[in-house]
Every structure is written in structure tokens, then in C-alpha cells.
């Protein structure tokens, strides 16, 4: 990569809008993005990796206030590693529960599809 990506390039790469990237900065989720001589944002490899992480944990339901807290802890450095680990362990448990719930739902959907398949087969046999 060159010296960094501009906001349009990062938006395209991450699938987030430029507006969302600015919102994340305003909410202190993305911190210390460099600026070029014209004041335009220049995202580093670290910034982009961080954005992808934010997308993943946000998509698993981590609330905005927890994302902000985690981001603040990250900005404070390695002394906050135990706190960040605790946050991620708690969130990991929530994600495991979501996965379990989704697997249960998938089983119910499969059962319903099986019933439909059986009924359609019975109906097609009776109509012949």
C-alpha cells in the first residue's frame, strides 16, 4: 500500500460509507487518523485493520457504548490489556449464545422444511 488510503478508498475497501467513517471518528471509535498537508484523512494499515475489527464486533451486536469504551482502552495502551480481554471474553460469550440460538432456529426451520417436503410428496402421490 502507498502511505495510506483516503476516506473514499477506505469506504470502498470496507463497505462502509464515508459518512459512517466520519461518524465513527466523531464517536471516538476510530482515533488519531492522520491528515495530509491538505487536511484530508490518510488511513494507515492499522486504521484499516481496526475498522474491520469494529465492523465484525458491531455486526455481532456489541453496543456502541462498549465499542467506545474498548476503543478508549486501546488508545490508552498495553496497561489496559486485562480490561480489553475481559470485555472481549464477555462479548465472546454473548456471541456463543447467539450462535447457539441461531443453530436452534436453523433446526426448527429444517424441521418445518422437512414437513413441507413430506406433505408435498404425499399430495403429489395422491393427485396421480
N, C-alpha and C. Protein backbone atom coordinates (compact mmCIF):
# COMPACT_ATOMS: atom_id res chain seq x y z
N UNK A 1 0.85 -1.17 0.00
CA UNK A 1 0.00 0.00 0.00
C UNK A 1 0.90 1.24 0.00
N UNK A 2 0.39 2.32 -0.57
CA UNK A 2 1.13 3.58 -0.51
C UNK A 2 1.16 4.07 0.92
N UNK A 3 1.35 5.35 1.15
CA UNK A 3 1.45 5.88 2.50
C UNK A 3 0.14 5.82 3.27
N UNK A 4 -0.91 5.39 2.67
CA UNK A 4 -2.21 5.30 3.32
C UNK A 4 -3.31 5.46 2.31
N UNK A 5 -4.52 5.27 2.76
CA UNK A 5 -5.68 5.39 1.89
C UNK A 5 -6.53 6.58 2.31
N UNK A 6 -7.17 7.20 1.34
CA UNK A 6 -8.08 8.29 1.67
C UNK A 6 -9.44 7.72 2.05
N UNK A 7 -10.33 8.57 2.48
CA UNK A 7 -11.61 8.11 3.01
C UNK A 7 -12.44 7.39 1.95
N UNK A 8 -12.37 7.85 0.71
CA UNK A 8 -13.12 7.21 -0.37
C UNK A 8 -12.60 5.79 -0.59
N UNK A 9 -11.30 5.61 -0.57
CA UNK A 9 -10.71 4.28 -0.76
C UNK A 9 -11.06 3.35 0.40
N UNK A 10 -11.03 3.87 1.62
CA UNK A 10 -11.36 3.06 2.79
C UNK A 10 -12.84 2.68 2.77
N UNK A 11 -13.68 3.61 2.35
CA UNK A 11 -15.11 3.31 2.24
C UNK A 11 -15.33 2.16 1.27
N UNK A 12 -14.67 2.23 0.14
CA UNK A 12 -14.82 1.16 -0.87
C UNK A 12 -14.27 -0.16 -0.34
N UNK A 13 -13.14 -0.13 0.32
CA UNK A 13 -12.49 -1.33 0.83
C UNK A 13 -13.32 -2.00 1.93
N UNK A 14 -13.90 -1.21 2.81
CA UNK A 14 -14.59 -1.75 3.99
C UNK A 14 -16.09 -1.95 3.77
N UNK A 15 -16.64 -1.30 2.76
CA UNK A 15 -18.08 -1.36 2.54
C UNK A 15 -18.85 -0.37 3.40
N UNK A 16 -18.14 0.43 4.18
CA UNK A 16 -18.79 1.48 4.97
C UNK A 16 -18.86 2.75 4.13
N UNK A 17 -19.84 3.57 4.40
CA UNK A 17 -19.91 4.85 3.70
C UNK A 17 -18.91 5.84 4.31
N UNK A 18 -18.58 6.87 3.55
CA UNK A 18 -17.72 7.93 4.07
C UNK A 18 -18.38 8.58 5.29
N UNK A 19 -19.69 8.71 5.23
CA UNK A 19 -20.44 9.29 6.35
C UNK A 19 -20.25 8.43 7.61
N UNK A 20 -20.34 7.11 7.46
CA UNK A 20 -20.17 6.20 8.60
C UNK A 20 -18.76 6.30 9.17
N UNK A 21 -17.77 6.38 8.30
CA UNK A 21 -16.39 6.52 8.78
C UNK A 21 -16.22 7.80 9.58
N UNK A 22 -16.80 8.89 9.10
CA UNK A 22 -16.74 10.15 9.84
C UNK A 22 -17.48 10.04 11.17
N UNK A 23 -18.64 9.37 11.14
CA UNK A 23 -19.42 9.16 12.37
C UNK A 23 -18.60 8.36 13.38
N UNK A 24 -17.92 7.31 12.92
CA UNK A 24 -17.09 6.51 13.82
C UNK A 24 -15.99 7.36 14.45
N UNK A 25 -15.43 8.27 13.68
CA UNK A 25 -14.42 9.17 14.25
C UNK A 25 -15.06 10.10 15.29
N UNK A 26 -16.21 10.64 14.94
CA UNK A 26 -16.90 11.56 15.86
C UNK A 26 -17.26 10.84 17.16
N UNK A 27 -17.62 9.57 17.08
CA UNK A 27 -17.98 8.79 18.25
C UNK A 27 -16.75 8.22 18.96
N UNK A 28 -15.57 8.58 18.51
CA UNK A 28 -14.30 8.15 19.11
C UNK A 28 -14.05 6.65 18.97
N UNK A 29 -14.64 6.04 17.94
CA UNK A 29 -14.37 4.63 17.66
C UNK A 29 -13.08 4.49 16.87
N UNK A 30 -12.84 5.44 16.00
CA UNK A 30 -11.60 5.50 15.22
C UNK A 30 -10.88 6.74 15.71
N UNK A 31 -9.65 6.55 16.15
CA UNK A 31 -8.92 7.67 16.74
C UNK A 31 -7.62 7.94 15.98
N UNK A 32 -7.21 9.17 16.02
CA UNK A 32 -5.88 9.59 15.55
C UNK A 32 -5.60 9.25 14.10
N UNK A 33 -6.60 9.40 13.24
CA UNK A 33 -6.35 9.21 11.81
C UNK A 33 -5.49 10.37 11.33
N UNK A 34 -4.43 10.03 10.64
CA UNK A 34 -3.51 11.06 10.15
C UNK A 34 -4.20 11.93 9.10
N UNK A 35 -3.63 13.10 8.89
CA UNK A 35 -4.11 14.03 7.87
C UNK A 35 -2.93 14.39 6.97
N UNK A 36 -3.23 14.61 5.70
CA UNK A 36 -2.18 15.04 4.78
C UNK A 36 -2.04 16.56 4.85
N UNK A 37 -1.18 17.10 4.01
CA UNK A 37 -0.91 18.55 4.04
C UNK A 37 -2.14 19.38 3.72
N UNK A 38 -3.14 18.77 3.07
CA UNK A 38 -4.39 19.48 2.75
C UNK A 38 -5.49 19.23 3.78
N UNK A 39 -5.17 18.47 4.81
CA UNK A 39 -6.15 18.20 5.85
C UNK A 39 -7.04 16.99 5.58
N UNK A 40 -6.75 16.26 4.50
CA UNK A 40 -7.55 15.07 4.19
C UNK A 40 -7.07 13.88 5.02
N UNK A 41 -8.02 13.04 5.40
CA UNK A 41 -7.70 11.85 6.19
C UNK A 41 -6.82 10.90 5.38
N UNK A 42 -5.85 10.30 6.09
CA UNK A 42 -4.98 9.28 5.50
C UNK A 42 -4.99 8.10 6.47
N UNK A 43 -5.66 7.03 6.06
CA UNK A 43 -5.82 5.85 6.92
C UNK A 43 -4.63 4.91 6.74
N UNK A 44 -4.06 4.51 7.86
CA UNK A 44 -2.93 3.59 7.87
C UNK A 44 -3.43 2.15 7.81
N UNK A 45 -2.51 1.22 7.64
CA UNK A 45 -2.86 -0.21 7.70
C UNK A 45 -3.50 -0.53 9.05
N UNK A 46 -2.96 0.02 10.13
CA UNK A 46 -3.53 -0.20 11.46
C UNK A 46 -4.96 0.30 11.53
N UNK A 47 -5.21 1.51 11.00
CA UNK A 47 -6.56 2.08 11.00
C UNK A 47 -7.53 1.14 10.27
N UNK A 48 -7.12 0.63 9.14
CA UNK A 48 -7.99 -0.23 8.34
C UNK A 48 -8.25 -1.55 9.05
N UNK A 49 -7.21 -2.12 9.64
CA UNK A 49 -7.39 -3.36 10.41
C UNK A 49 -8.36 -3.11 11.57
N UNK A 50 -8.22 -1.99 12.23
CA UNK A 50 -9.09 -1.62 13.34
C UNK A 50 -10.54 -1.46 12.86
N UNK A 51 -10.73 -0.84 11.72
CA UNK A 51 -12.08 -0.65 11.17
C UNK A 51 -12.72 -2.00 10.88
N UNK A 52 -11.96 -2.92 10.30
CA UNK A 52 -12.51 -4.26 10.04
C UNK A 52 -12.89 -4.96 11.35
N UNK A 53 -12.09 -4.78 12.39
CA UNK A 53 -12.43 -5.35 13.69
C UNK A 53 -13.73 -4.73 14.21
N UNK A 54 -13.85 -3.42 14.13
CA UNK A 54 -15.07 -2.73 14.57
C UNK A 54 -16.30 -3.28 13.85
N UNK A 55 -16.17 -3.46 12.55
CA UNK A 55 -17.28 -3.98 11.76
C UNK A 55 -17.70 -5.35 12.29
N UNK A 56 -16.72 -6.20 12.53
CA UNK A 56 -17.03 -7.56 12.99
C UNK A 56 -17.74 -7.55 14.34
N UNK A 57 -17.18 -6.84 15.32
CA UNK A 57 -17.80 -6.87 16.65
C UNK A 57 -19.14 -6.12 16.66
N UNK A 58 -19.25 -5.08 15.86
CA UNK A 58 -20.53 -4.37 15.76
C UNK A 58 -21.57 -5.30 15.15
N UNK A 59 -21.19 -6.07 14.13
CA UNK A 59 -22.13 -6.99 13.49
C UNK A 59 -22.57 -8.12 14.41
N UNK A 60 -21.82 -8.36 15.47
CA UNK A 60 -22.22 -9.39 16.43
C UNK A 60 -22.98 -8.78 17.61
N UNK A 61 -23.26 -7.51 17.52
CA UNK A 61 -24.14 -6.89 18.50
C UNK A 61 -23.47 -6.16 19.65
N UNK A 62 -22.17 -5.93 19.57
CA UNK A 62 -21.55 -5.15 20.65
C UNK A 62 -22.14 -3.73 20.62
N UNK A 63 -22.67 -3.28 21.74
CA UNK A 63 -23.28 -1.95 21.78
C UNK A 63 -22.26 -0.83 21.56
N UNK A 64 -22.75 0.29 21.06
CA UNK A 64 -21.90 1.44 20.75
C UNK A 64 -21.10 1.88 21.97
N UNK A 65 -21.73 1.93 23.13
CA UNK A 65 -21.00 2.39 24.32
C UNK A 65 -19.85 1.45 24.67
N UNK A 66 -20.03 0.15 24.44
CA UNK A 66 -18.94 -0.79 24.70
C UNK A 66 -17.84 -0.65 23.65
N UNK A 67 -18.23 -0.40 22.40
CA UNK A 67 -17.23 -0.15 21.36
C UNK A 67 -16.41 1.08 21.70
N UNK A 68 -17.08 2.12 22.19
CA UNK A 68 -16.38 3.34 22.58
C UNK A 68 -15.43 3.08 23.74
N UNK A 69 -15.90 2.32 24.71
CA UNK A 69 -15.06 2.01 25.87
C UNK A 69 -13.84 1.19 25.44
N UNK A 70 -14.07 0.22 24.59
CA UNK A 70 -12.97 -0.62 24.11
C UNK A 70 -11.95 0.23 23.33
N UNK A 71 -12.46 1.11 22.49
CA UNK A 71 -11.60 1.99 21.70
C UNK A 71 -10.77 2.90 22.61
N UNK A 72 -11.40 3.41 23.66
CA UNK A 72 -10.69 4.27 24.62
C UNK A 72 -9.60 3.49 25.33
N UNK A 73 -9.92 2.28 25.74
CA UNK A 73 -8.92 1.43 26.40
C UNK A 73 -7.75 1.15 25.46
N UNK A 74 -8.06 0.89 24.20
CA UNK A 74 -6.99 0.62 23.24
C UNK A 74 -6.06 1.82 23.11
N UNK A 75 -6.66 2.99 23.07
CA UNK A 75 -5.87 4.22 22.93
C UNK A 75 -4.97 4.45 24.14
N UNK A 76 -5.35 3.90 25.29
CA UNK A 76 -4.56 4.08 26.50
C UNK A 76 -3.34 3.17 26.54
N UNK A 77 -3.31 2.17 25.69
CA UNK A 77 -2.11 1.35 25.59
C UNK A 77 -2.18 0.01 26.29
N UNK A 78 -1.02 -0.63 26.39
CA UNK A 78 -0.93 -2.00 26.88
C UNK A 78 -1.34 -2.18 28.33
N UNK A 79 -1.33 -1.12 29.11
CA UNK A 79 -1.74 -1.26 30.51
C UNK A 79 -3.21 -1.67 30.63
N UNK A 80 -3.97 -1.50 29.56
CA UNK A 80 -5.40 -1.83 29.58
C UNK A 80 -5.69 -3.22 29.00
N UNK A 81 -4.66 -3.98 28.69
CA UNK A 81 -4.88 -5.31 28.11
C UNK A 81 -5.83 -6.18 28.95
N UNK A 82 -5.67 -6.24 30.27
CA UNK A 82 -6.60 -7.07 31.05
C UNK A 82 -8.06 -6.61 30.92
N UNK A 83 -8.28 -5.30 30.88
CA UNK A 83 -9.65 -4.79 30.74
C UNK A 83 -10.22 -5.11 29.37
N UNK A 84 -9.40 -4.98 28.34
CA UNK A 84 -9.86 -5.31 26.99
C UNK A 84 -10.14 -6.79 26.86
N UNK A 85 -9.28 -7.60 27.47
CA UNK A 85 -9.50 -9.05 27.43
C UNK A 85 -10.84 -9.39 28.09
N UNK A 86 -11.10 -8.79 29.23
CA UNK A 86 -12.35 -9.05 29.95
C UNK A 86 -13.55 -8.66 29.08
N UNK A 87 -13.47 -7.51 28.44
CA UNK A 87 -14.58 -7.08 27.58
C UNK A 87 -14.82 -8.07 26.45
N UNK A 88 -13.73 -8.53 25.83
CA UNK A 88 -13.89 -9.45 24.71
C UNK A 88 -14.37 -10.83 25.17
N UNK A 89 -13.95 -11.25 26.34
CA UNK A 89 -14.44 -12.53 26.87
C UNK A 89 -15.95 -12.47 27.12
N UNK A 90 -16.40 -11.36 27.66
CA UNK A 90 -17.84 -11.18 27.90
C UNK A 90 -18.59 -11.16 26.57
N UNK A 91 -18.04 -10.43 25.60
CA UNK A 91 -18.70 -10.36 24.30
C UNK A 91 -18.66 -11.71 23.59
N UNK A 92 -17.57 -12.42 23.75
CA UNK A 92 -17.44 -13.75 23.14
C UNK A 92 -18.55 -14.67 23.65
N UNK A 93 -18.85 -14.59 24.93
CA UNK A 93 -19.93 -15.41 25.49
C UNK A 93 -21.27 -15.04 24.87
N UNK A 94 -21.49 -13.74 24.67
CA UNK A 94 -22.74 -13.31 24.01
C UNK A 94 -22.82 -13.86 22.60
N UNK A 95 -21.69 -13.83 21.87
CA UNK A 95 -21.67 -14.35 20.51
C UNK A 95 -21.92 -15.86 20.50
N UNK A 96 -21.32 -16.58 21.45
CA UNK A 96 -21.58 -18.02 21.55
C UNK A 96 -23.06 -18.29 21.78
N UNK A 97 -23.71 -17.49 22.61
CA UNK A 97 -25.14 -17.64 22.85
C UNK A 97 -25.95 -17.35 21.59
N UNK A 98 -25.53 -16.33 20.84
CA UNK A 98 -26.19 -16.02 19.57
C UNK A 98 -26.08 -17.21 18.61
N UNK A 99 -24.88 -17.78 18.53
CA UNK A 99 -24.66 -18.92 17.64
C UNK A 99 -25.56 -20.08 18.05
N UNK A 100 -25.63 -20.35 19.33
CA UNK A 100 -26.48 -21.43 19.84
C UNK A 100 -27.94 -21.18 19.47
N UNK A 101 -28.40 -19.95 19.68
CA UNK A 101 -29.78 -19.60 19.33
C UNK A 101 -30.03 -19.76 17.83
N UNK A 102 -29.07 -19.34 17.02
CA UNK A 102 -29.21 -19.46 15.57
C UNK A 102 -29.23 -20.93 15.13
N UNK A 103 -28.40 -21.75 15.75
CA UNK A 103 -28.41 -23.18 15.42
C UNK A 103 -29.76 -23.80 15.77
N UNK A 104 -30.31 -23.42 16.92
CA UNK A 104 -31.63 -23.92 17.32
C UNK A 104 -32.69 -23.48 16.31
N UNK A 105 -32.63 -22.23 15.91
CA UNK A 105 -33.58 -21.71 14.92
C UNK A 105 -33.43 -22.46 13.60
N UNK A 106 -32.19 -22.71 13.19
CA UNK A 106 -31.95 -23.43 11.94
C UNK A 106 -32.53 -24.84 12.00
N UNK A 107 -32.41 -25.49 13.15
CA UNK A 107 -33.00 -26.83 13.33
C UNK A 107 -34.51 -26.76 13.15
N UNK A 108 -35.14 -25.76 13.74
CA UNK A 108 -36.60 -25.61 13.61
C UNK A 108 -37.00 -25.35 12.16
N UNK A 109 -36.24 -24.54 11.47
CA UNK A 109 -36.52 -24.27 10.05
C UNK A 109 -36.39 -25.56 9.25
N UNK A 110 -35.34 -26.33 9.50
CA UNK A 110 -35.14 -27.60 8.79
C UNK A 110 -36.28 -28.57 9.07
N UNK A 111 -36.76 -28.61 10.32
CA UNK A 111 -37.90 -29.47 10.65
C UNK A 111 -39.13 -29.05 9.86
N UNK A 112 -39.37 -27.77 9.80
CA UNK A 112 -40.53 -27.26 9.05
C UNK A 112 -40.39 -27.58 7.57
N UNK A 113 -39.20 -27.40 7.01
CA UNK A 113 -38.98 -27.73 5.60
C UNK A 113 -39.19 -29.22 5.36
N UNK A 114 -38.77 -30.05 6.30
CA UNK A 114 -38.99 -31.49 6.18
C UNK A 114 -40.47 -31.83 6.14
N UNK A 115 -41.25 -31.18 6.98
CA UNK A 115 -42.71 -31.39 6.97
C UNK A 115 -43.31 -30.97 5.64
N UNK A 116 -42.85 -29.82 5.14
CA UNK A 116 -43.36 -29.35 3.85
C UNK A 116 -43.03 -30.35 2.76
N UNK A 117 -41.81 -30.85 2.76
CA UNK A 117 -41.37 -31.81 1.75
C UNK A 117 -42.24 -33.07 1.81
N UNK A 118 -42.47 -33.56 3.02
CA UNK A 118 -43.31 -34.75 3.21
C UNK A 118 -44.72 -34.50 2.71
N UNK A 119 -45.31 -33.37 3.09
CA UNK A 119 -46.67 -33.04 2.67
C UNK A 119 -46.77 -32.89 1.16
N UNK A 120 -45.81 -32.22 0.56
CA UNK A 120 -45.85 -32.04 -0.90
C UNK A 120 -45.72 -33.39 -1.60
N UNK A 121 -44.89 -34.27 -1.07
CA UNK A 121 -44.72 -35.59 -1.65
C UNK A 121 -46.02 -36.39 -1.55
N UNK A 122 -46.66 -36.33 -0.37
CA UNK A 122 -47.94 -37.02 -0.18
C UNK A 122 -49.01 -36.45 -1.10
N UNK A 123 -49.05 -35.15 -1.24
CA UNK A 123 -50.06 -34.51 -2.11
C UNK A 123 -49.83 -34.86 -3.56
N UNK A 124 -48.59 -34.92 -4.00
CA UNK A 124 -48.31 -35.24 -5.40
C UNK A 124 -48.63 -36.71 -5.68
N UNK A 125 -48.46 -37.61 -4.70
CA UNK A 125 -48.79 -39.03 -4.87
C UNK A 125 -50.31 -39.22 -4.96
N UNK A 126 -51.06 -38.47 -4.18
CA UNK A 126 -52.50 -38.60 -4.16
C UNK A 126 -53.13 -38.06 -5.44
N UNK A 127 -52.49 -37.08 -6.07
CA UNK A 127 -53.10 -36.48 -7.26
C UNK A 127 -52.86 -37.33 -8.50
N UNK A 128 -52.03 -38.36 -8.44
CA UNK A 128 -51.76 -39.19 -9.63
C UNK A 128 -52.76 -40.27 -9.78
